[in-house]
Amino acid sequence: MHTIKLQVQDTIYEHIMFLLKNLNSKELKIIEDKTIESISIEGDIADIQAFSNHSANLIDDWKDDVEDAIWK
């Protein structure tokens, strides 16, 4: 017995399932059939841009050279 794991695009999914279901069912068992959804970050883009556009120079405590001395 062998196990095969496939990732197929939506455009050919029905064809693959048709083929598999028409094979000898005594010799083939479809164990798992699941959809993997794409992760969308479009809703978080504004937050990401806000953080990436933020400047540390706007925070007065971070401008102080004494703060940097600890790392030297």
C-alpha atoms as a PDB file:
ATOM      1  CA  MET A   1       0.000   0.000   0.000  1.00  0.00           C
ATOM      2  CA  HIS A   2       1.237   3.489  -0.868  1.00  0.00           C
ATOM      3  CA  THR A   3       0.097   6.933   0.241  1.00  0.00           C
ATOM      4  CA  ILE A   4       0.111   9.889  -2.144  1.00  0.00           C
ATOM      5  CA  LYS A   5      -0.465  13.476  -1.079  1.00  0.00           C
ATOM      6  CA  LEU A   6      -1.384  15.982  -3.793  1.00  0.00           C
ATOM      7  CA  GLN A   7      -1.904  19.714  -3.895  1.00  0.00           C
ATOM      8  CA  VAL A   8      -3.996  20.677  -6.893  1.00  0.00           C
ATOM      9  CA  GLN A   9      -5.333  23.969  -8.145  1.00  0.00           C
ATOM     10  CA  ASP A  10      -9.081  24.555  -8.113  1.00  0.00           C
ATOM     11  CA  THR A  11      -9.114  24.431 -11.908  1.00  0.00           C
ATOM     12  CA  ILE A  12      -8.215  20.723 -12.041  1.00  0.00           C
ATOM     13  CA  TYR A  13      -9.586  19.543  -8.703  1.00  0.00           C
ATOM     14  CA  GLU A  14     -12.873  18.211 -10.119  1.00  0.00           C
ATOM     15  CA  HIS A  15     -11.015  16.295 -12.832  1.00  0.00           C
ATOM     16  CA  ILE A  16      -8.670  14.653 -10.335  1.00  0.00           C
ATOM     17  CA  MET A  17     -11.539  13.697  -8.014  1.00  0.00           C
ATOM     18  CA  PHE A  18     -13.513  12.293 -10.945  1.00  0.00           C
ATOM     19  CA  LEU A  19     -10.546  10.172 -11.948  1.00  0.00           C
ATOM     20  CA  LEU A  20      -9.925   8.896  -8.422  1.00  0.00           C
ATOM     21  CA  LYS A  21     -13.556   8.091  -7.739  1.00  0.00           C
ATOM     22  CA  ASN A  22     -13.797   6.072 -10.964  1.00  0.00           C
ATOM     23  CA  LEU A  23     -10.888   3.812 -10.110  1.00  0.00           C
ATOM     24  CA  ASN A  24     -11.430   0.468  -8.446  1.00  0.00           C
ATOM     25  CA  SER A  25     -12.791   1.479  -5.032  1.00  0.00           C
ATOM     26  CA  LYS A  26     -11.568  -1.770  -3.458  1.00  0.00           C
ATOM     27  CA  GLU A  27      -8.005  -0.765  -4.177  1.00  0.00           C
ATOM     28  CA  LEU A  28      -8.281   2.956  -3.490  1.00  0.00           C
ATOM     29  CA  LYS A  29      -9.366   4.836  -0.390  1.00  0.00           C
ATOM     30  CA  ILE A  30      -9.576   8.639  -0.296  1.00  0.00           C
ATOM     31  CA  ILE A  31      -8.450   9.349   3.249  1.00  0.00           C
ATOM     32  CA  GLU A  32      -8.596  13.119   3.356  1.00  0.00           C
ATOM     33  CA  ASP A  33     -10.102  15.761   1.106  1.00  0.00           C
ATOM     34  CA  LYS A  34      -9.654  19.247   2.472  1.00  0.00           C
ATOM     35  CA  THR A  35      -9.471  22.798   1.188  1.00  0.00           C
ATOM     36  CA  ILE A  36      -6.516  24.977   2.090  1.00  0.00           C
ATOM     37  CA  GLU A  37      -7.577  28.586   2.198  1.00  0.00           C
ATOM     38  CA  SER A  38      -5.212  31.337   1.200  1.00  0.00           C
ATOM     39  CA  ILE A  39      -4.195  33.705   3.958  1.00  0.00           C
ATOM     40  CA  SER A  40      -5.113  37.285   3.201  1.00  0.00           C
ATOM     41  CA  ILE A  41      -3.392  40.173   4.943  1.00  0.00           C
ATOM     42  CA  GLU A  42      -5.179  42.908   3.022  1.00  0.00           C
ATOM     43  CA  GLY A  43      -7.151  43.944   6.100  1.00  0.00           C
ATOM     44  CA  ASP A  44      -3.928  44.333   8.078  1.00  0.00           C
ATOM     45  CA  ILE A  45      -2.054  46.304   5.417  1.00  0.00           C
ATOM     46  CA  ALA A  46      -2.955  49.654   6.996  1.00  0.00           C
ATOM     47  CA  ASP A  47      -1.585  48.527  10.361  1.00  0.00           C
ATOM     48  CA  ILE A  48       1.586  47.165   8.773  1.00  0.00           C
ATOM     49  CA  GLN A  49       2.159  50.399   6.875  1.00  0.00           C
ATOM     50  CA  ALA A  50       1.520  52.469   9.993  1.00  0.00           C
ATOM     51  CA  PHE A  51       4.204  50.552  11.887  1.00  0.00           C
ATOM     52  CA  SER A  52       6.674  50.583   8.995  1.00  0.00           C
ATOM     53  CA  ASN A  53       6.214  54.329   8.442  1.00  0.00           C
ATOM     54  CA  HIS A  54       6.696  55.120  12.119  1.00  0.00           C
ATOM     55  CA  SER A  55       9.906  56.884  12.967  1.00  0.00           C
ATOM     56  CA  ALA A  56      11.756  56.221  16.227  1.00  0.00           C
ATOM     57  CA  ASN A  57      12.973  59.808  16.059  1.00  0.00           C
ATOM     58  CA  LEU A  58       9.530  60.923  17.154  1.00  0.00           C
ATOM     59  CA  ILE A  59      10.078  59.489  20.637  1.00  0.00           C
ATOM     60  CA  ASP A  60      12.108  61.891  22.750  1.00  0.00           C
ATOM     61  CA  ASP A  61      13.516  59.245  25.118  1.00  0.00           C
ATOM     62  CA  TRP A  62      15.006  57.370  22.178  1.00  0.00           C
ATOM     63  CA  LYS A  63      16.851  60.442  20.969  1.00  0.00           C
ATOM     64  CA  ASP A  64      18.857  60.615  24.188  1.00  0.00           C
ATOM     65  CA  ASP A  65      22.474  59.416  23.734  1.00  0.00           C
ATOM     66  CA  VAL A  66      22.449  58.045  27.290  1.00  0.00           C
ATOM     67  CA  GLU A  67      19.958  55.424  26.133  1.00  0.00           C
ATOM     68  CA  ASP A  68      22.461  54.209  23.514  1.00  0.00           C
ATOM     69  CA  ALA A  69      25.410  54.129  25.923  1.00  0.00           C
ATOM     70  CA  ILE A  70      24.169  50.937  27.512  1.00  0.00           C
ATOM     71  CA  TRP A  71      24.812  49.037  24.259  1.00  0.00           C
ATOM     72  CA  LYS A  72      28.392  50.239  23.801  1.00  0.00           C
END
